[in-house]
Protein backbone atom coordinates (compact mmCIF):
# COMPACT_ATOMS: atom_id res chain seq x y z
CA UNK A 1 40.30 44.72 60.94
CA UNK A 2 40.50 46.12 57.40
CA UNK A 3 41.79 42.77 56.11
CA UNK A 4 38.97 40.99 57.96
CA UNK A 5 36.36 43.31 56.45
CA UNK A 6 37.89 42.91 53.01
CA UNK A 7 37.81 39.13 53.34
CA UNK A 8 34.22 39.30 54.55
CA UNK A 9 33.27 41.55 51.61
CA UNK A 10 34.74 39.09 49.12
CA UNK A 11 32.96 36.19 50.77
CA UNK A 12 29.71 38.18 50.66
CA UNK A 13 30.15 39.02 46.98
CA UNK A 14 30.99 35.41 46.09
CA UNK A 15 28.01 34.14 48.08
CA UNK A 16 25.70 36.70 46.50
CA UNK A 17 26.95 35.81 43.02
CA UNK A 18 26.40 32.11 43.66
CA UNK A 19 22.92 32.75 45.05
CA UNK A 20 22.03 34.96 42.09
CA UNK A 21 23.23 32.32 39.63
CA UNK A 22 21.29 29.63 41.48
CA UNK A 23 18.16 31.80 41.63
CA UNK A 24 18.32 32.70 37.94
CA UNK A 25 18.89 29.08 36.93
CA UNK A 26 15.97 27.82 39.01
CA UNK A 27 13.67 30.55 37.76
CA UNK A 28 14.64 29.82 34.16
CA UNK A 29 13.70 26.20 34.62
CA UNK A 30 10.64 26.45 36.86
CA UNK A 31 9.01 29.83 36.28
CA UNK A 32 7.10 30.11 33.00
CA UNK A 33 7.89 33.15 30.86
CA UNK A 34 5.13 35.68 30.38
CA UNK A 35 6.29 36.45 26.85
CA UNK A 36 7.31 33.68 24.48
CA UNK A 37 6.59 33.15 20.79
CA UNK A 38 5.19 29.64 20.28
CA UNK A 39 4.57 28.94 16.63
CA UNK A 40 3.79 25.97 14.42
CA UNK A 41 4.63 25.75 10.73
CA UNK A 42 1.63 24.65 8.67
CA UNK A 43 2.96 23.35 5.34
CA UNK A 44 0.56 23.31 2.40
CA UNK A 45 2.98 22.08 -0.29
CA UNK A 46 2.36 18.42 -1.00
CA UNK A 47 -0.65 18.61 1.37
CA UNK A 48 1.77 17.98 4.23
CA UNK A 49 -0.36 19.64 6.92
CA UNK A 50 -3.33 21.47 5.43
CA UNK A 51 -5.44 20.81 3.51
CA UNK A 52 -4.75 17.13 4.02
CA UNK A 53 -6.08 16.28 0.57
CA UNK A 54 -6.96 18.06 -2.67
CA UNK A 55 -10.32 16.27 -2.69
CA UNK A 56 -11.71 18.09 0.35
CA UNK A 57 -14.75 20.30 -0.17
CA UNK A 58 -14.76 23.94 0.91
CA UNK A 59 -16.59 23.06 4.11
CA UNK A 60 -14.23 20.18 4.83
CA UNK A 61 -11.19 22.42 4.30
CA UNK A 62 -12.60 25.00 6.71
CA UNK A 63 -13.54 22.44 9.35
CA UNK A 64 -10.13 20.82 9.12
CA UNK A 65 -8.41 24.17 9.65
CA UNK A 66 -10.67 25.01 12.61
CA UNK A 67 -9.69 21.73 14.26
CA UNK A 68 -6.03 22.36 13.49
CA UNK A 69 -6.13 25.75 15.23
CA UNK A 70 -7.93 24.35 18.27
CA UNK A 71 -5.49 21.44 18.51
CA UNK A 72 -2.39 23.62 18.62
CA UNK A 73 -3.95 26.20 20.88
CA UNK A 74 -4.61 23.38 23.36
CA UNK A 75 -0.88 22.56 23.14
CA UNK A 76 -0.06 26.08 24.32
CA UNK A 77 0.84 27.61 20.96
CA UNK A 78 0.04 31.25 20.23
CA UNK A 79 0.81 31.51 16.49
CA UNK A 80 0.40 29.60 13.25
CA UNK A 81 2.82 30.17 10.37
CA UNK A 82 0.89 29.03 7.32
CA UNK A 83 2.43 28.48 3.89
CA UNK A 84 0.25 30.63 1.63
CA UNK A 85 2.63 30.72 -1.39
CA UNK A 86 4.48 27.42 -1.87
CA UNK A 87 5.90 28.13 -5.36
CA UNK A 88 4.61 31.07 -7.43
CA UNK A 89 1.06 29.97 -6.60
CA UNK A 90 -1.44 31.22 -4.05
CA UNK A 91 -3.73 29.89 -1.36
CA UNK A 92 -5.53 33.24 -1.54
CA UNK A 93 -7.19 35.42 -4.17
CA UNK A 94 -4.26 36.87 -6.11
CA UNK A 95 -4.04 39.02 -9.24
CA UNK A 96 -0.38 37.98 -9.63
CA UNK A 97 -0.38 34.21 -9.37
CA UNK A 98 -2.73 31.26 -9.93
CA UNK A 99 -4.60 29.31 -7.28
CA UNK A 100 -2.40 26.59 -5.78
CA UNK A 101 -2.96 23.03 -6.90
CA UNK A 102 -2.68 21.95 -3.27
CA UNK A 103 -6.17 23.37 -2.75
CA UNK A 104 -8.15 21.75 -5.53
CA UNK A 105 -5.72 19.40 -7.29
CA UNK A 106 -5.42 21.68 -10.32
CA UNK A 107 -3.34 24.84 -10.46
CA UNK A 108 -5.46 27.86 -11.35
CA UNK A 109 -8.72 26.27 -10.19
CA UNK A 110 -10.47 28.21 -7.41
CA UNK A 111 -12.27 26.60 -4.47
CA UNK A 112 -15.88 25.66 -5.20
CA UNK A 113 -18.01 26.87 -3.49
CA UNK A 114 -15.73 29.90 -3.58
CA UNK A 115 -14.01 31.32 -0.52
CA UNK A 116 -10.71 33.04 0.17
CA UNK A 117 -8.72 30.59 2.34
CA UNK A 118 -6.36 33.29 3.62
CA UNK A 119 -9.17 35.55 4.78
CA UNK A 120 -10.89 32.58 6.41
CA UNK A 121 -7.73 31.40 8.18
CA UNK A 122 -7.00 34.86 9.58
CA UNK A 123 -10.54 35.18 10.94
CA UNK A 124 -10.42 31.70 12.45
CA UNK A 125 -7.10 32.41 14.17
CA UNK A 126 -8.57 35.63 15.58
CA UNK A 127 -11.62 33.74 16.85
CA UNK A 128 -9.40 31.23 18.63
CA UNK A 129 -6.94 33.88 19.90
CA UNK A 130 -3.98 32.85 17.75
CA UNK A 131 -1.63 34.96 15.63
CA UNK A 132 -1.49 34.34 11.88
CA UNK A 133 1.81 34.66 10.01
CA UNK A 134 1.91 34.36 6.22
CA UNK A 135 4.71 32.02 5.12
CA UNK A 136 5.89 32.58 1.56
CA UNK A 137 8.60 30.85 -0.50
CA UNK A 138 10.04 33.79 -2.43
CA UNK A 139 12.22 32.16 -5.10
CA UNK A 140 10.76 28.70 -5.69
CA UNK A 141 8.86 28.98 -8.97
CA UNK A 142 7.67 25.47 -9.86
CA UNK A 143 7.45 22.56 -7.47
CA UNK A 144 8.43 19.29 -9.13
CA UNK A 145 8.26 20.45 -12.74
CA UNK A 146 8.50 16.85 -13.94
CA UNK A 147 5.13 15.88 -12.46
CA UNK A 148 3.14 19.03 -11.77
CA UNK A 149 1.25 20.73 -14.59
CA UNK A 150 1.28 24.50 -14.23
CA UNK A 151 -1.55 26.83 -15.08
CA UNK A 152 -1.44 29.03 -18.15
CA UNK A 153 -1.67 31.90 -15.64
CA UNK A 154 1.76 31.01 -14.24
CA UNK A 155 4.41 33.72 -14.54
CA UNK A 156 6.62 31.30 -16.49
CA UNK A 157 4.59 31.81 -19.66
CA UNK A 158 5.09 35.59 -19.56
CA UNK A 159 8.72 35.56 -18.45
CA UNK A 160 10.39 32.17 -19.03
CA UNK A 161 13.83 33.82 -18.83
CA UNK A 162 13.21 34.55 -15.14
CA UNK A 163 13.15 30.86 -14.19
CA UNK A 164 15.97 28.30 -13.93
CA UNK A 165 15.33 24.53 -13.67
CA UNK A 166 17.47 22.92 -10.97
CA UNK A 167 16.99 19.30 -9.97
CA UNK A 168 13.31 18.43 -9.62
CA UNK A 169 12.19 22.01 -9.15
CA UNK A 170 12.50 25.36 -10.89
CA UNK A 171 13.55 28.62 -9.26
CA UNK A 172 13.39 32.32 -9.95
CA UNK A 173 16.76 33.86 -10.74
CA UNK A 174 17.43 36.22 -7.80
CA UNK A 175 20.12 37.97 -9.87
CA UNK A 176 17.51 39.67 -12.05
CA UNK A 177 16.29 43.02 -10.63
CA UNK A 178 12.91 42.53 -12.32
CA UNK A 179 12.49 39.20 -10.51
CA UNK A 180 13.19 40.76 -7.13
CA UNK A 181 10.74 43.57 -7.92
CA UNK A 182 8.04 41.11 -8.98
CA UNK A 183 8.32 39.01 -5.81
CA UNK A 184 8.36 42.16 -3.67
CA UNK A 185 5.06 43.14 -5.31
CA UNK A 186 3.60 39.72 -4.52
CA UNK A 187 4.62 40.03 -0.87
CA UNK A 188 3.35 43.57 -0.48
CA UNK A 189 0.03 42.69 -2.12
CA UNK A 190 -0.60 40.37 0.84
CA UNK A 191 0.61 42.95 3.37
CA UNK A 192 -1.70 45.60 1.92
CA UNK A 193 -4.85 43.48 1.61
CA UNK A 194 -4.82 41.12 4.59
CA UNK A 195 -4.73 41.65 8.35
CA UNK A 196 -1.77 39.36 8.94
CA UNK A 197 0.53 39.45 11.97
CA UNK A 198 3.70 38.58 10.09
CA UNK A 199 5.50 37.81 6.83
CA UNK A 200 7.71 34.74 7.03
CA UNK A 201 10.34 33.29 4.69
CA UNK A 202 11.98 29.91 5.22
CA UNK A 203 15.45 28.70 4.18
CA UNK A 204 14.96 28.60 0.39
CA UNK A 205 16.71 31.51 -1.33
CA UNK A 206 19.15 30.01 -3.78
CA UNK A 207 18.39 26.27 -3.85
CA UNK A 208 20.21 23.68 -1.80
CA UNK A 209 23.27 22.62 -3.73
CA UNK A 210 23.18 19.45 -5.82
CA UNK A 211 26.79 18.30 -6.29
CA UNK A 212 26.43 17.24 -9.92
CA UNK A 213 24.55 20.36 -11.07
CA UNK A 214 25.33 24.04 -11.49
CA UNK A 215 22.75 26.77 -11.00
CA UNK A 216 22.80 28.40 -14.44
CA UNK A 217 22.84 32.10 -13.60
CA UNK A 218 26.15 32.90 -15.34
CA UNK A 219 24.41 35.16 -17.86
CA UNK A 220 22.81 37.18 -15.08
CA UNK A 221 26.19 37.48 -13.36
CA UNK A 222 27.80 38.76 -16.55
CA UNK A 223 25.09 41.43 -16.83
CA UNK A 224 24.75 42.53 -13.22
CA UNK A 225 27.84 41.27 -11.39
CA UNK A 226 30.20 44.14 -12.10
CA UNK A 227 32.34 44.96 -9.07
CA UNK A 228 32.04 41.53 -7.44
CA UNK A 229 35.13 39.33 -7.24
CA UNK A 230 33.15 36.10 -6.93
CA UNK A 231 29.74 34.96 -8.05
CA UNK A 232 29.11 33.85 -4.45
CA UNK A 233 29.38 37.41 -3.12
CA UNK A 234 27.13 38.65 -5.92
CA UNK A 235 24.51 36.04 -5.10
CA UNK A 236 24.54 37.03 -1.43
CA UNK A 237 24.16 40.67 -2.41
CA UNK A 238 21.11 39.82 -4.54
CA UNK A 239 19.40 38.26 -1.53
CA UNK A 240 20.51 41.12 0.72
CA UNK A 241 18.92 43.65 -1.63
CA UNK A 242 15.70 41.67 -1.70
CA UNK A 243 15.48 41.24 2.08
CA UNK A 244 16.14 44.94 2.64
CA UNK A 245 13.46 45.92 0.11
CA UNK A 246 10.87 43.72 1.85
CA UNK A 247 11.77 45.17 5.24
CA UNK A 248 11.68 48.78 4.05
CA UNK A 249 8.37 48.31 2.23
CA UNK A 250 6.65 46.70 5.22
CA UNK A 251 7.94 49.48 7.49
CA UNK A 252 6.23 52.09 5.31
CA UNK A 253 2.89 50.29 5.04
CA UNK A 254 2.37 48.26 8.24
CA UNK A 255 5.31 48.39 10.68
CA UNK A 256 3.37 46.22 13.13
CA UNK A 257 3.67 43.28 10.71
CA UNK A 258 6.55 41.16 11.98
CA UNK A 259 9.07 40.18 9.28
CA UNK A 260 11.02 37.04 10.05
CA UNK A 261 13.19 34.51 8.28
CA UNK A 262 13.97 30.90 9.21
CA UNK A 263 17.36 30.01 7.74
CA UNK A 264 19.07 26.65 7.80
CA UNK A 265 20.40 26.10 11.33
CA UNK A 266 24.11 26.31 10.48
CA UNK A 267 25.16 29.75 9.27
CA UNK A 268 28.70 28.61 8.55
CA UNK A 269 31.09 25.91 9.71
CA UNK A 270 34.02 27.32 11.64
CA UNK A 271 36.31 24.83 9.93
CA UNK A 272 35.55 26.45 6.59
CA UNK A 273 36.64 29.83 7.96
CA UNK A 274 40.03 28.32 8.82
CA UNK A 275 40.32 26.70 5.40
CA UNK A 276 39.45 29.95 3.62
CA UNK A 277 42.02 31.96 5.55
CA UNK A 278 44.76 29.82 4.00
CA UNK A 279 43.71 30.81 0.45
CA UNK A 280 44.91 33.89 -1.42
CA UNK A 281 42.55 36.83 -0.91
CA UNK A 282 41.42 36.92 -4.53
CA UNK A 283 40.45 33.21 -4.43
CA UNK A 284 38.87 33.04 -1.01
CA UNK A 285 35.13 32.67 -0.68
CA UNK A 286 35.48 32.47 3.08
CA UNK A 287 36.99 34.68 5.74
CA UNK A 288 38.57 37.10 3.26
CA UNK A 289 35.17 37.98 1.80
CA UNK A 290 33.24 38.00 5.07
CA UNK A 291 34.00 41.66 5.71
CA UNK A 292 34.32 41.39 9.47
CA UNK A 293 31.44 38.94 9.96
CA UNK A 294 31.88 36.44 12.81
CA UNK A 295 33.37 32.96 12.50
CA UNK A 296 31.06 30.02 12.05
CA UNK A 297 29.92 27.43 14.56
CA UNK A 298 31.67 24.28 15.81
CA UNK A 299 29.78 22.12 13.32
CA UNK A 300 30.40 19.93 10.29
CA UNK A 301 27.26 20.53 8.25
CA UNK A 302 27.38 19.43 4.60
CA UNK A 303 25.69 22.67 3.53
CA UNK A 304 25.31 26.05 5.22
CA UNK A 305 23.23 29.19 4.86
CA UNK A 306 26.13 31.48 4.00
CA UNK A 307 28.14 29.31 1.61
CA UNK A 308 25.44 27.26 -0.14
CA UNK A 309 22.12 29.12 0.10
CA UNK A 310 23.78 32.57 -0.09
CA UNK A 311 21.76 33.75 2.88
CA UNK A 312 23.87 36.38 4.66
CA UNK A 313 21.75 36.27 7.80
CA UNK A 314 24.24 38.15 9.97
CA UNK A 315 24.09 41.18 7.66
CA UNK A 316 20.29 41.15 7.87
CA UNK A 317 20.42 41.11 11.65
CA UNK A 318 23.14 43.73 11.96
CA UNK A 319 21.20 46.12 9.72
CA UNK A 320 17.84 45.42 11.38
CA UNK A 321 16.29 44.19 8.13
CA UNK A 322 14.37 41.41 9.89
CA UNK A 323 12.47 41.50 13.17
CA UNK A 324 13.37 37.96 14.14
CA UNK A 325 15.50 35.06 13.01
CA UNK A 326 14.30 31.47 13.49
CA UNK A 327 17.21 29.14 12.64
CA UNK A 328 16.12 25.58 11.96
CA UNK A 329 18.03 23.74 14.68
CA UNK A 330 16.77 20.34 13.57
CA UNK A 331 19.51 18.51 15.45
CA UNK A 332 19.45 16.66 18.74
CA UNK A 333 21.30 17.63 21.89
CA UNK A 334 24.62 15.79 21.59
CA UNK A 335 24.46 15.20 17.82
CA UNK A 336 28.10 14.87 16.76
CA UNK A 337 28.05 16.85 13.49
CA UNK A 338 25.82 19.68 14.70
CA UNK A 339 25.06 19.69 18.40
CA UNK A 340 21.87 21.54 19.35
CA UNK A 341 23.38 23.24 22.39
CA UNK A 342 26.49 24.41 20.54
CA UNK A 343 24.36 25.88 17.75
CA UNK A 344 22.00 27.50 20.25
CA UNK A 345 24.94 29.15 21.98
CA UNK A 346 26.25 30.40 18.63
CA UNK A 347 22.95 31.98 17.61
CA UNK A 348 22.44 33.55 21.04
CA UNK A 349 25.69 35.48 20.51
CA UNK A 350 24.74 36.72 17.05
CA UNK A 351 21.25 38.25 17.14
CA UNK A 352 22.39 41.91 17.27
CA UNK A 353 19.34 43.10 19.15
CA UNK A 354 16.76 41.29 17.03
CA UNK A 355 14.57 38.48 18.34
CA UNK A 356 15.62 34.84 18.24
CA UNK A 357 13.07 32.05 17.83
CA UNK A 358 14.35 28.49 17.54
CA UNK A 359 13.04 26.09 14.90
CA UNK A 360 12.51 22.61 16.39
CA UNK A 361 12.25 19.30 14.50
CA UNK A 362 8.97 18.02 15.86
CA UNK A 363 8.80 15.68 12.85
CA UNK A 364 11.76 13.71 14.23
CA UNK A 365 10.22 12.94 17.64
CA UNK A 366 9.83 9.21 18.21
CA UNK A 367 12.14 7.97 15.46
CA UNK A 368 13.01 4.49 16.74
CA UNK A 369 16.28 4.34 14.78
CA UNK A 370 17.61 7.52 16.40
CA UNK A 371 18.38 7.32 20.12
CA UNK A 372 18.46 11.12 20.45
CA UNK A 373 14.98 11.56 18.96
CA UNK A 374 13.59 8.46 20.63
CA UNK A 375 14.09 10.29 23.93
CA UNK A 376 10.67 11.63 25.07
CA UNK A 377 12.36 14.68 26.62
CA UNK A 378 14.45 15.78 23.61
CA UNK A 379 12.16 18.67 22.62
CA UNK A 380 11.39 19.56 26.24
CA UNK A 381 15.10 19.72 27.08
CA UNK A 382 15.65 21.96 24.06
CA UNK A 383 12.95 24.38 25.25
CA UNK A 384 14.52 24.34 28.73
CA UNK A 385 17.91 25.24 27.24
CA UNK A 386 16.27 28.05 25.27
CA UNK A 387 14.81 29.55 28.42
CA UNK A 388 18.04 29.27 30.35
CA UNK A 389 19.86 31.40 27.77
CA UNK A 390 17.64 34.47 28.43
CA UNK A 391 18.24 35.47 24.79
CA UNK A 392 15.76 33.15 23.10
CA UNK A 393 12.33 34.70 22.57
CA UNK A 394 10.42 31.62 21.50
CA UNK A 395 10.11 28.45 19.43
CA UNK A 396 8.60 27.32 16.12
CA UNK A 397 7.87 23.66 15.41
CA UNK A 398 7.91 21.80 12.11
CA UNK A 399 5.35 20.78 11.37
CA UNK A 400 1.69 20.79 12.39
CA UNK A 401 0.96 17.17 11.48
CA UNK A 402 3.88 15.91 13.57
CA UNK A 403 1.87 16.38 16.76
CA UNK A 404 -1.27 14.57 15.62
CA UNK A 405 -0.23 11.10 16.80
CA UNK A 406 1.23 12.48 20.05
CA UNK A 407 4.62 10.77 19.56
CA UNK A 408 6.26 9.84 22.88
CA UNK A 409 3.55 11.85 24.65
CA UNK A 410 4.87 15.20 23.36
CA UNK A 411 1.44 16.87 23.57
CA UNK A 412 1.02 15.88 27.21
CA UNK A 413 4.49 17.23 28.06
CA UNK A 414 3.66 20.56 26.44
CA UNK A 415 0.16 20.95 27.89
CA UNK A 416 1.06 19.89 31.44
CA UNK A 417 4.61 21.16 31.44
CA UNK A 418 6.52 23.86 29.57
CA UNK A 419 3.46 25.30 27.78
CA UNK A 420 0.92 24.81 30.56
CA UNK A 421 0.34 28.56 30.89
CA UNK A 422 -0.43 31.02 28.12
CA UNK A 423 2.24 33.43 26.94
CA UNK A 424 2.14 36.78 25.19
CA UNK A 425 4.14 37.41 22.03
CA UNK A 426 7.34 39.41 22.72
CA UNK A 427 7.36 43.16 22.12
CA UNK A 428 9.44 44.61 19.27
CA UNK A 429 11.10 47.53 21.13
CA UNK A 430 12.42 49.06 17.90
CA UNK A 431 8.79 49.64 16.80
CA UNK A 432 7.58 52.26 19.22
CA UNK A 433 3.85 52.63 19.61
CA UNK A 434 1.86 54.41 22.29
CA UNK A 435 0.91 52.04 25.09
CA UNK A 436 -2.88 51.72 25.08
CA UNK A 437 -5.07 52.93 27.91
CA UNK A 438 -6.52 50.32 30.29
CA UNK A 439 -9.94 48.96 29.29
CA UNK A 440 -12.80 50.93 30.83
CA UNK A 441 -16.22 50.00 32.22
CA UNK A 442 -15.46 46.32 32.72
CA UNK A 443 -18.53 44.37 33.78
CA UNK A 444 -19.02 40.70 34.58
CA UNK A 445 -22.29 38.78 34.65
CA UNK A 446 -22.72 35.46 36.41
CA UNK A 447 -24.42 32.57 34.69
CA UNK A 448 -25.08 29.04 35.85
CA UNK A 449 -21.68 27.68 34.84
CA UNK A 450 -19.92 30.58 33.16
CA UNK A 451 -19.03 34.26 33.38
CA UNK A 452 -19.65 36.80 30.65
CA UNK A 453 -17.30 39.80 30.65
CA UNK A 454 -17.59 42.96 28.57
CA UNK A 455 -15.67 46.24 28.33
CA UNK A 456 -15.23 49.25 26.07
CA UNK A 457 -13.31 48.39 22.89
CA UNK A 458 -10.41 50.12 21.16
CA UNK A 459 -11.40 53.07 19.02
CA UNK A 460 -10.48 50.85 16.04
CA UNK A 461 -10.97 47.10 16.35
CA UNK A 462 -7.73 46.36 14.48
CA UNK A 463 -5.73 48.23 17.12
CA UNK A 464 -4.99 45.15 19.20
CA UNK A 465 -6.35 42.58 21.61
CA UNK A 466 -7.02 42.03 25.32
CA UNK A 467 -5.64 39.83 28.09
CA UNK A 468 -7.87 38.68 30.93
CA UNK A 469 -6.24 37.85 34.26
CA UNK A 470 -7.92 36.19 37.21
CA UNK A 471 -7.11 34.96 40.67
CA UNK A 472 -9.01 33.42 43.54
CA UNK A 473 -9.88 35.79 46.37
CA UNK A 474 -10.44 39.52 46.63
CA UNK A 475 -6.95 40.71 45.75
CA UNK A 476 -6.44 41.63 42.07
CA UNK A 477 -4.22 39.25 40.09
CA UNK A 478 -0.55 40.02 39.51
CA UNK A 479 -0.30 40.79 35.79
CA UNK A 480 3.42 40.02 35.86
CA UNK A 481 2.59 36.40 36.70
CA UNK A 482 1.65 34.43 33.54
CA UNK A 483 -0.07 31.76 35.63
CA UNK A 484 -2.89 34.27 36.25
CA UNK A 485 -3.66 34.68 32.54
CA UNK A 486 -7.13 33.32 31.86
CA UNK A 487 -7.54 34.12 28.19
CA UNK A 488 -6.73 36.33 25.23
CA UNK A 489 -9.46 37.98 23.16
CA UNK A 490 -9.50 40.04 19.98
CA UNK A 491 -13.01 41.19 20.88
CA UNK A 492 -14.27 43.34 23.81
CA UNK A 493 -16.17 40.47 25.39
CA UNK A 494 -15.55 36.90 26.43
CA UNK A 495 -17.41 34.05 28.05
CA UNK A 496 -15.59 31.76 30.49
CA UNK A 497 -16.96 28.28 30.75
CA UNK A 498 -16.40 26.79 34.21
CA UNK A 499 -16.03 23.35 32.69
CA UNK A 500 -12.96 24.52 30.80
CA UNK A 501 -11.04 24.94 34.06
CA UNK A 502 -12.41 22.62 36.71
CA UNK A 503 -13.24 24.45 39.91
CA UNK A 504 -11.95 27.81 38.64
CA UNK A 505 -14.95 29.85 39.67
CA UNK A 506 -16.30 27.85 42.60
CA UNK A 507 -15.06 30.53 45.00
CA UNK A 508 -14.74 34.30 44.95
CA UNK A 509 -12.63 35.46 42.01
CA UNK A 510 -11.13 38.78 40.96
CA UNK A 511 -10.43 39.75 37.36
CA UNK A 512 -8.55 42.53 35.58
CA UNK A 513 -8.15 43.17 31.87
CA UNK A 514 -5.30 44.79 29.94
CA UNK A 515 -5.23 46.16 26.40
CA UNK A 516 -2.39 45.15 24.08
CA UNK A 517 -1.54 46.94 20.83
CA UNK A 518 -0.32 45.30 17.62
CA UNK A 519 3.28 45.75 18.76
CA UNK A 520 2.28 43.76 21.87
CA UNK A 521 2.82 46.66 24.30
CA UNK A 522 0.51 46.07 27.27
CA UNK A 523 -1.50 48.66 29.19
CA UNK A 524 -1.88 48.93 32.92
CA UNK A 525 -4.67 46.71 34.26
CA UNK A 526 -8.29 47.82 34.39
CA UNK A 527 -10.11 48.36 37.63
CA UNK A 528 -10.59 44.94 39.27
CA UNK A 529 -13.93 43.18 38.98
CA UNK A 530 -14.96 40.71 41.65
CA UNK A 531 -17.52 37.99 41.18
CA UNK A 532 -18.72 35.02 43.18
CA UNK A 533 -20.54 32.08 41.70
CA UNK A 534 -23.07 29.97 43.53
CA UNK A 535 -23.89 26.37 42.63
């Protein structure tokens, strides 16, 4: 009898395990997540995404940005990551750096009629219920110095020794403490003065290696490299110091501002670890100098974050110096040199409690010469893999313009598929804030084809935003179910147009509202409000 019971117990456990795995897998594929970061990079350098031309008037620039926000919101996105500092220039009013030439065609020339593009973009994102993250290139100083004239306000004319030409562009020398301090001041100026949701750096720290050229920072190394065996380790330490200083400064001023970095998708090739282990310790730039960091991925990338850009991402994550990492996995599923799924699995194992957003190559969708990217489901399958891992907190797509022509029907697949329902931005649990109280005195007024809702606001308007849930019938909506989310609002009122959701209010409907703070902690729901429309 005991043996029979034991056998039955094992069969029960095996069956339960199989059912649980099946249930989790199905849910990951079919049930939309309530929280998921969905961002789009908006590149301003070279007028890639916005503004589309340097000849646009102020009004045309503003209208173009309004349309851009609306377009990506319709695709299910909840954040824009806008490049406000392409290369020691500014798409905002700055006392440190000149106006960007990508605004008016001439560096140092302000918009006319005057407006502050950053202030306008933040307000427009708020109006359309989108987050705004300020994307800055910290160490690129001059973009294409052979063709682009720089303003006499450029930092080069005050401190030419800070800047090193390399290839077509010029870069700040990260080995100089005064350079790191200057760029920190530029970043914190934006954090202090603007109501942004995040600070974002991309993959440019030290420049991508050009085989025939050396980055001429030997003098800086001789001055400041004492105690480092190799110049590579010193360079990584320079970037580590800078990243930590940005994190610590933001924490003091505005801890709700999310600090994230989007490194190149391959941290390190595993094959290089094996090669380095064969070298004498004093010559190794690989495993011997990693100090216990993990091995690289099963990839054969020609350049990597750790070895070529000197971006020691794992150290940043282990020390909690960034809130999220968004590796640029710009490779297809099944790509021989760097397979998307293998890289995804590597990053999932190395987040150390911080959030993981995946950078997707939207610009590659529909390339006829590439069978992987000529597959209309390549991006969709990548998002599905992300959700199945249960460690990925969202996606960011490069870049905004890539969606305009709807290549291979990508917009339709987002709107009617994986991004059909709205999603909240994930909470940062390491930033504790008091959960807000539920909104009070919620009222709803019926109009001919819309509903106007109002409620009592936060004590301070900048304290957060609100989520409106609705469901047909008299039972209040389940706020754990993202399919019941009707809208997000930064203001204590909202008008629902019936035409926006065909048939939504033709029968009795019940609404509740929650308050969400800037850390994205959500309150309990308000008292339900019922309303019936008559036509």
